[in-house]
Amino acid sequence: MTASTAGADADTTPPGWRRVDPPELSPILQAALEAFYDNGFHGTSVRQIAAKVGVTVPALYYHHKSKEGILLALLEYSTGDVLARAHAARAAAAGDPVTELANVIESIVLVMTGRVRLAAVEGEIRYASSENRLRYRVFRKGIEDLVLDIVQTGTATGVMHVSDVAETTRAVLAMCQSIPRWFHDDGPLTPQLVAEKYVDIALHTVGSLPRADSD
């Protein structure tokens, strides 16, 4: 999955959606990301973020209205990027639902593992206001709707076999979103290997691959 940042062309380096570069964040957002990852949202103060960047607190507030605003900016960047990659991954499958799902899951997992700190910080949204949690869910809904449409199409055309499309979609995405809880850069699994494993699990989950005991 290429580094397709939101708004950038995801296919400039074929196959763009598979290449994951470090996120292009402002110094404030980069400092906040490190602080939120290390100390959590509540364990980080605006003063600490400003000190990491080398700016005053008023200067930081010039760019972001609050600590919660900084968190939301990180999450919108992350989720927008994942959604752009997922659309590019789907488009590369030329209309085949099974390949579409495989590509989209691969694109999501490569980001979850390639930018594990940014992905892990998404869990801090629980500390945001109800308004900002709703705003974040709108971004997440775009990804869910994309996968839901693929699984619906696959089920309708008989290449996938699920009894509950919506719950299956949520289960597959929840599996991907759990990756930052256990994945480590210095662990035995590479991002590509994790992606391959999760694509296999996803395709079995939607019934597009036979169960091992049915062979």
C-alpha atoms as a PDB file:
ATOM      1  CA  MET A   1       0.000   0.000   0.000  1.00  0.00           C
ATOM      2  CA  THR A   2       1.581   3.097  -1.027  1.00  0.00           C
ATOM      3  CA  ALA A   3       1.761   6.159   0.982  1.00  0.00           C
ATOM      4  CA  SER A   4      -1.375   7.686  -0.330  1.00  0.00           C
ATOM      5  CA  THR A   5      -2.130  10.525   1.998  1.00  0.00           C
ATOM      6  CA  ALA A   6      -5.664  11.819   1.927  1.00  0.00           C
ATOM      7  CA  GLY A   7      -5.976  13.914  -1.158  1.00  0.00           C
ATOM      8  CA  ALA A   8      -2.877  12.439  -2.810  1.00  0.00           C
ATOM      9  CA  ASP A   9      -3.004  10.161  -5.818  1.00  0.00           C
ATOM     10  CA  ALA A  10      -2.807   6.632  -4.405  1.00  0.00           C
ATOM     11  CA  ASP A  11      -1.674   5.126  -7.697  1.00  0.00           C
ATOM     12  CA  THR A  12       1.343   7.242  -8.608  1.00  0.00           C
ATOM     13  CA  THR A  13       3.726   4.409  -7.671  1.00  0.00           C
ATOM     14  CA  PRO A  14       2.153   1.139  -8.789  1.00  0.00           C
ATOM     15  CA  PRO A  15       0.747  -0.511  -6.819  1.00  0.00           C
ATOM     16  CA  GLY A  16       0.475   2.686  -4.791  1.00  0.00           C
ATOM     17  CA  TRP A  17      -1.764   1.400  -2.052  1.00  0.00           C
ATOM     18  CA  ARG A  18       0.752  -1.219  -0.926  1.00  0.00           C
ATOM     19  CA  ARG A  19       3.553   1.181  -0.033  1.00  0.00           C
ATOM     20  CA  VAL A  20       3.442   2.691   3.430  1.00  0.00           C
ATOM     21  CA  ASP A  21       5.792   5.574   4.127  1.00  0.00           C
ATOM     22  CA  PRO A  22       6.036   7.378   7.477  1.00  0.00           C
ATOM     23  CA  PRO A  23       3.061   9.715   7.922  1.00  0.00           C
ATOM     24  CA  GLU A  24       3.611  13.287   6.801  1.00  0.00           C
ATOM     25  CA  LEU A  25       2.709  15.121   9.998  1.00  0.00           C
ATOM     26  CA  SER A  26       3.409  18.632  11.168  1.00  0.00           C
ATOM     27  CA  PRO A  27       5.926  18.926  14.036  1.00  0.00           C
ATOM     28  CA  ILE A  28       3.050  19.521  16.467  1.00  0.00           C
ATOM     29  CA  LEU A  29       1.133  16.443  15.324  1.00  0.00           C
ATOM     30  CA  GLN A  30       4.282  14.306  15.320  1.00  0.00           C
ATOM     31  CA  ALA A  31       5.120  15.374  18.867  1.00  0.00           C
ATOM     32  CA  ALA A  32       1.545  14.758  19.977  1.00  0.00           C
ATOM     33  CA  LEU A  33       1.526  11.322  18.365  1.00  0.00           C
ATOM     34  CA  GLU A  34       4.637  10.286  20.284  1.00  0.00           C
ATOM     35  CA  ALA A  35       3.287  11.692  23.539  1.00  0.00           C
ATOM     36  CA  PHE A  36      -0.169  10.149  23.173  1.00  0.00           C
ATOM     37  CA  TYR A  37       1.370   6.780  22.304  1.00  0.00           C
ATOM     38  CA  ASP A  38       3.786   6.823  25.227  1.00  0.00           C
ATOM     39  CA  ASN A  39       1.603   8.432  27.891  1.00  0.00           C
ATOM     40  CA  GLY A  40      -1.974   8.260  26.649  1.00  0.00           C
ATOM     41  CA  PHE A  41      -4.271  11.184  25.940  1.00  0.00           C
ATOM     42  CA  HIS A  42      -4.972  11.958  29.596  1.00  0.00           C
ATOM     43  CA  GLY A  43      -1.328  11.520  30.545  1.00  0.00           C
ATOM     44  CA  THR A  44      -0.210  14.177  28.064  1.00  0.00           C
ATOM     45  CA  SER A  45      -0.525  17.924  28.553  1.00  0.00           C
ATOM     46  CA  VAL A  46      -0.551  20.638  25.923  1.00  0.00           C
ATOM     47  CA  ARG A  47       2.485  22.107  27.656  1.00  0.00           C
ATOM     48  CA  GLN A  48       4.380  18.836  27.160  1.00  0.00           C
ATOM     49  CA  ILE A  49       3.535  18.772  23.453  1.00  0.00           C
ATOM     50  CA  ALA A  50       4.589  22.404  23.045  1.00  0.00           C
ATOM     51  CA  ALA A  51       7.863  21.697  24.839  1.00  0.00           C
ATOM     52  CA  LYS A  52       8.609  18.725  22.545  1.00  0.00           C
ATOM     53  CA  VAL A  53       8.117  20.964  19.513  1.00  0.00           C
ATOM     54  CA  GLY A  54       9.909  23.952  21.011  1.00  0.00           C
ATOM     55  CA  VAL A  55       7.015  26.382  20.780  1.00  0.00           C
ATOM     56  CA  THR A  56       4.965  28.248  23.367  1.00  0.00           C
ATOM     57  CA  VAL A  57       1.530  27.031  24.408  1.00  0.00           C
ATOM     58  CA  PRO A  58      -0.144  30.093  22.787  1.00  0.00           C
ATOM     59  CA  ALA A  59       1.704  29.312  19.558  1.00  0.00           C
ATOM     60  CA  LEU A  60       0.417  25.740  19.667  1.00  0.00           C
ATOM     61  CA  TYR A  61      -3.130  26.970  20.247  1.00  0.00           C
ATOM     62  CA  TYR A  62      -2.768  29.127  17.136  1.00  0.00           C
ATOM     63  CA  HIS A  63      -2.677  25.909  15.095  1.00  0.00           C
ATOM     64  CA  HIS A  64      -5.003  23.730  17.192  1.00  0.00           C
ATOM     65  CA  LYS A  65      -7.767  24.943  19.484  1.00  0.00           C
ATOM     66  CA  SER A  66      -7.287  22.229  22.100  1.00  0.00           C
ATOM     67  CA  LYS A  67      -5.554  18.962  22.961  1.00  0.00           C
ATOM     68  CA  GLU A  68      -8.674  17.182  21.780  1.00  0.00           C
ATOM     69  CA  GLY A  69      -8.419  19.067  18.487  1.00  0.00           C
ATOM     70  CA  ILE A  70      -4.885  17.732  18.077  1.00  0.00           C
ATOM     71  CA  LEU A  71      -6.093  14.184  18.691  1.00  0.00           C
ATOM     72  CA  LEU A  72      -8.892  14.586  16.180  1.00  0.00           C
ATOM     73  CA  ALA A  73      -6.470  15.949  13.569  1.00  0.00           C
ATOM     74  CA  LEU A  74      -4.323  12.826  13.967  1.00  0.00           C
ATOM     75  CA  LEU A  75      -7.314  10.522  13.696  1.00  0.00           C
ATOM     76  CA  GLU A  76      -8.757  12.296  10.660  1.00  0.00           C
ATOM     77  CA  TYR A  77      -5.385  12.093   8.933  1.00  0.00           C
ATOM     78  CA  SER A  78      -5.074   8.391   9.721  1.00  0.00           C
ATOM     79  CA  THR A  79      -8.624   7.400   8.827  1.00  0.00           C
ATOM     80  CA  GLY A  80      -8.741   9.527   5.702  1.00  0.00           C
ATOM     81  CA  ASP A  81      -5.527   7.947   4.495  1.00  0.00           C
ATOM     82  CA  VAL A  82      -6.785   4.410   5.148  1.00  0.00           C
ATOM     83  CA  LEU A  83     -10.009   5.159   3.279  1.00  0.00           C
ATOM     84  CA  ALA A  84      -8.145   6.572   0.263  1.00  0.00           C
ATOM     85  CA  ARG A  85      -5.922   3.491   0.141  1.00  0.00           C
ATOM     86  CA  ALA A  86      -8.881   1.154   0.499  1.00  0.00           C
ATOM     87  CA  HIS A  87     -10.641   2.782  -2.467  1.00  0.00           C
ATOM     88  CA  ALA A  88      -7.470   2.490  -4.551  1.00  0.00           C
ATOM     89  CA  ALA A  89      -7.059  -1.142  -3.513  1.00  0.00           C
ATOM     90  CA  ARG A  90     -10.629  -1.927  -4.496  1.00  0.00           C
ATOM     91  CA  ALA A  91     -10.287  -0.193  -7.847  1.00  0.00           C
ATOM     92  CA  ALA A  92      -7.228  -2.322  -8.620  1.00  0.00           C
ATOM     93  CA  ALA A  93      -9.345  -5.496  -8.387  1.00  0.00           C
ATOM     94  CA  ALA A  94     -11.302  -4.743 -11.576  1.00  0.00           C
ATOM     95  CA  GLY A  95     -14.707  -5.561 -10.152  1.00  0.00           C
ATOM     96  CA  ASP A  96     -14.033  -9.010  -8.676  1.00  0.00           C
ATOM     97  CA  PRO A  97     -15.475  -8.982  -5.116  1.00  0.00           C
ATOM     98  CA  VAL A  98     -13.074 -11.596  -3.738  1.00  0.00           C
ATOM     99  CA  THR A  99     -10.020  -9.753  -5.006  1.00  0.00           C
ATOM    100  CA  GLU A 100     -11.562  -6.467  -3.892  1.00  0.00           C
ATOM    101  CA  LEU A 101     -11.924  -7.724  -0.332  1.00  0.00           C
ATOM    102  CA  ALA A 102      -8.440  -9.245  -0.353  1.00  0.00           C
ATOM    103  CA  ASN A 103      -6.923  -5.989  -1.580  1.00  0.00           C
ATOM    104  CA  VAL A 104      -8.848  -3.803   0.871  1.00  0.00           C
ATOM    105  CA  ILE A 105      -7.965  -5.965   3.883  1.00  0.00           C
ATOM    106  CA  GLU A 106      -4.339  -6.025   2.757  1.00  0.00           C
ATOM    107  CA  SER A 107      -4.334  -2.234   2.426  1.00  0.00           C
ATOM    108  CA  ILE A 108      -5.777  -1.774   5.918  1.00  0.00           C
ATOM    109  CA  VAL A 109      -3.436  -4.264   7.580  1.00  0.00           C
ATOM    110  CA  LEU A 110      -0.343  -2.807   5.943  1.00  0.00           C
ATOM    111  CA  VAL A 111      -1.228   0.579   7.440  1.00  0.00           C
ATOM    112  CA  MET A 112      -2.041  -0.916  10.849  1.00  0.00           C
ATOM    113  CA  THR A 113       1.388  -2.567  10.932  1.00  0.00           C
ATOM    114  CA  GLY A 114       3.388   0.031   9.012  1.00  0.00           C
ATOM    115  CA  ARG A 115       2.140   2.927  11.126  1.00  0.00           C
ATOM    116  CA  VAL A 116       1.404   1.075  14.323  1.00  0.00           C
ATOM    117  CA  ARG A 117       1.806   4.128  16.593  1.00  0.00           C
ATOM    118  CA  LEU A 118      -0.666   6.180  14.600  1.00  0.00           C
ATOM    119  CA  ALA A 119      -3.073   3.260  14.458  1.00  0.00           C
ATOM    120  CA  ALA A 120      -2.785   2.638  18.211  1.00  0.00           C
ATOM    121  CA  VAL A 121      -3.660   6.235  19.053  1.00  0.00           C
ATOM    122  CA  GLU A 122      -7.115   5.704  17.524  1.00  0.00           C
ATOM    123  CA  GLY A 123      -8.114   4.027  20.778  1.00  0.00           C
ATOM    124  CA  GLU A 124      -7.775   7.384  22.540  1.00  0.00           C
ATOM    125  CA  ILE A 125     -10.929   8.631  20.796  1.00  0.00           C
ATOM    126  CA  ARG A 126     -12.856   7.259  23.783  1.00  0.00           C
ATOM    127  CA  TYR A 127     -11.702  10.315  25.737  1.00  0.00           C
ATOM    128  CA  ALA A 128     -13.048  12.801  23.196  1.00  0.00           C
ATOM    129  CA  SER A 129     -16.343  14.653  23.470  1.00  0.00           C
ATOM    130  CA  SER A 130     -19.475  13.004  22.101  1.00  0.00           C
ATOM    131  CA  GLU A 131     -19.457  15.488  19.220  1.00  0.00           C
ATOM    132  CA  ASN A 132     -15.916  14.592  18.206  1.00  0.00           C
ATOM    133  CA  ARG A 133     -16.528  10.877  18.664  1.00  0.00           C
ATOM    134  CA  LEU A 134     -19.434  11.212  16.251  1.00  0.00           C
ATOM    135  CA  ARG A 135     -17.248  13.122  13.804  1.00  0.00           C
ATOM    136  CA  TYR A 136     -14.647  10.349  13.982  1.00  0.00           C
ATOM    137  CA  ARG A 137     -17.294   7.668  13.443  1.00  0.00           C
ATOM    138  CA  VAL A 138     -18.304   9.395  10.215  1.00  0.00           C
ATOM    139  CA  PHE A 139     -14.767   8.838   8.935  1.00  0.00           C
ATOM    140  CA  ARG A 140     -14.765   5.228  10.124  1.00  0.00           C
ATOM    141  CA  LYS A 141     -18.171   4.664   8.522  1.00  0.00           C
ATOM    142  CA  GLY A 142     -16.670   5.302   5.101  1.00  0.00           C
ATOM    143  CA  ILE A 143     -14.387   2.292   5.532  1.00  0.00           C
ATOM    144  CA  GLU A 144     -17.162   0.126   6.931  1.00  0.00           C
ATOM    145  CA  ASP A 145     -19.507   1.051   4.077  1.00  0.00           C
ATOM    146  CA  LEU A 146     -16.830   0.198   1.518  1.00  0.00           C
ATOM    147  CA  VAL A 147     -16.253  -3.291   2.927  1.00  0.00           C
ATOM    148  CA  LEU A 148     -19.986  -3.806   3.474  1.00  0.00           C
ATOM    149  CA  ASP A 149     -20.651  -3.074  -0.203  1.00  0.00           C
ATOM    150  CA  ILE A 150     -17.999  -5.584  -1.270  1.00  0.00           C
ATOM    151  CA  VAL A 151     -19.398  -8.326   0.970  1.00  0.00           C
ATOM    152  CA  GLN A 152     -22.968  -7.568  -0.146  1.00  0.00           C
ATOM    153  CA  THR A 153     -21.924  -7.833  -3.788  1.00  0.00           C
ATOM    154  CA  GLY A 154     -19.939 -11.000  -3.155  1.00  0.00           C
ATOM    155  CA  THR A 155     -22.898 -12.591  -1.360  1.00  0.00           C
ATOM    156  CA  ALA A 156     -25.360 -11.557  -4.065  1.00  0.00           C
ATOM    157  CA  THR A 157     -23.170 -13.019  -6.811  1.00  0.00           C
ATOM    158  CA  GLY A 158     -22.515 -16.249  -4.913  1.00  0.00           C
ATOM    159  CA  VAL A 159     -18.755 -15.890  -4.476  1.00  0.00           C
ATOM    160  CA  MET A 160     -19.138 -15.237  -0.742  1.00  0.00           C
ATOM    161  CA  HIS A 161     -21.387 -17.043   1.698  1.00  0.00           C
ATOM    162  CA  VAL A 162     -22.390 -15.242   4.891  1.00  0.00           C
ATOM    163  CA  SER A 163     -25.634 -15.217   6.862  1.00  0.00           C
ATOM    164  CA  ASP A 164     -25.265 -11.671   8.222  1.00  0.00           C
ATOM    165  CA  VAL A 165     -23.435  -9.254   5.950  1.00  0.00           C
ATOM    166  CA  ALA A 166     -23.341  -6.334   8.391  1.00  0.00           C
ATOM    167  CA  GLU A 167     -22.042  -8.323  11.376  1.00  0.00           C
ATOM    168  CA  THR A 168     -19.508 -10.162   9.234  1.00  0.00           C
ATOM    169  CA  THR A 169     -18.214  -6.840   7.936  1.00  0.00           C
ATOM    170  CA  ARG A 170     -17.867  -5.488  11.462  1.00  0.00           C
ATOM    171  CA  ALA A 171     -16.090  -8.653  12.599  1.00  0.00           C
ATOM    172  CA  VAL A 172     -13.558  -8.491   9.775  1.00  0.00           C
ATOM    173  CA  LEU A 173     -12.800  -4.821  10.414  1.00  0.00           C
ATOM    174  CA  ALA A 174     -12.595  -5.318  14.189  1.00  0.00           C
ATOM    175  CA  MET A 175     -10.005  -8.006  13.573  1.00  0.00           C
ATOM    176  CA  CYS A 176      -7.876  -5.532  11.624  1.00  0.00           C
ATOM    177  CA  GLN A 177      -8.336  -2.736  14.144  1.00  0.00           C
ATOM    178  CA  SER A 178      -7.029  -4.953  16.961  1.00  0.00           C
ATOM    179  CA  ILE A 179      -3.593  -5.277  15.339  1.00  0.00           C
ATOM    180  CA  PRO A 180      -1.965  -2.286  17.118  1.00  0.00           C
ATOM    181  CA  ARG A 181      -2.647  -3.984  20.466  1.00  0.00           C
ATOM    182  CA  TRP A 182      -0.159  -6.762  19.752  1.00  0.00           C
ATOM    183  CA  PHE A 183       1.969  -5.929  16.716  1.00  0.00           C
ATOM    184  CA  HIS A 184       5.530  -4.703  17.289  1.00  0.00           C
ATOM    185  CA  ASP A 185       8.026  -3.511  14.689  1.00  0.00           C
ATOM    186  CA  ASP A 186      10.724  -5.749  16.156  1.00  0.00           C
ATOM    187  CA  GLY A 187       8.508  -8.833  16.359  1.00  0.00           C
ATOM    188  CA  PRO A 188       8.835 -11.999  14.253  1.00  0.00           C
ATOM    189  CA  LEU A 189       6.077 -11.063  11.782  1.00  0.00           C
ATOM    190  CA  THR A 190       6.583  -8.591   8.953  1.00  0.00           C
ATOM    191  CA  PRO A 191       3.734  -6.296   7.863  1.00  0.00           C
ATOM    192  CA  GLN A 192       3.375  -8.226   4.608  1.00  0.00           C
ATOM    193  CA  LEU A 193       3.167 -11.569   6.403  1.00  0.00           C
ATOM    194  CA  VAL A 194       0.511 -10.237   8.781  1.00  0.00           C
ATOM    195  CA  ALA A 195      -1.422  -8.882   5.784  1.00  0.00           C
ATOM    196  CA  GLU A 196      -1.293 -12.266   4.049  1.00  0.00           C
ATOM    197  CA  LYS A 197      -2.553 -14.028   7.167  1.00  0.00           C
ATOM    198  CA  TYR A 198      -5.393 -11.568   7.690  1.00  0.00           C
ATOM    199  CA  VAL A 199      -6.469 -11.723   4.051  1.00  0.00           C
ATOM    200  CA  ASP A 200      -6.673 -15.505   4.392  1.00  0.00           C
ATOM    201  CA  ILE A 201      -8.735 -15.192   7.590  1.00  0.00           C
ATOM    202  CA  ALA A 202     -11.040 -12.605   6.007  1.00  0.00           C
ATOM    203  CA  LEU A 203     -11.686 -14.707   2.902  1.00  0.00           C
ATOM    204  CA  HIS A 204     -12.488 -17.734   5.049  1.00  0.00           C
ATOM    205  CA  THR A 205     -14.782 -15.585   7.199  1.00  0.00           C
ATOM    206  CA  VAL A 206     -16.879 -14.502   4.211  1.00  0.00           C
ATOM    207  CA  GLY A 207     -16.973 -18.049   2.850  1.00  0.00           C
ATOM    208  CA  SER A 208     -14.972 -17.438  -0.297  1.00  0.00           C
ATOM    209  CA  LEU A 209     -12.398 -20.061   0.683  1.00  0.00           C
ATOM    210  CA  PRO A 210     -13.303 -23.601   1.793  1.00  0.00           C
ATOM    211  CA  ARG A 211     -12.731 -24.630   5.390  1.00  0.00           C
ATOM    212  CA  ALA A 212      -9.582 -26.662   5.867  1.00  0.00           C
ATOM    213  CA  ASP A 213     -11.542 -29.698   7.146  1.00  0.00           C
ATOM    214  CA  SER A 214     -13.720 -29.757   3.996  1.00  0.00           C
ATOM    215  CA  ASP A 215     -10.856 -30.738   1.700  1.00  0.00           C
END
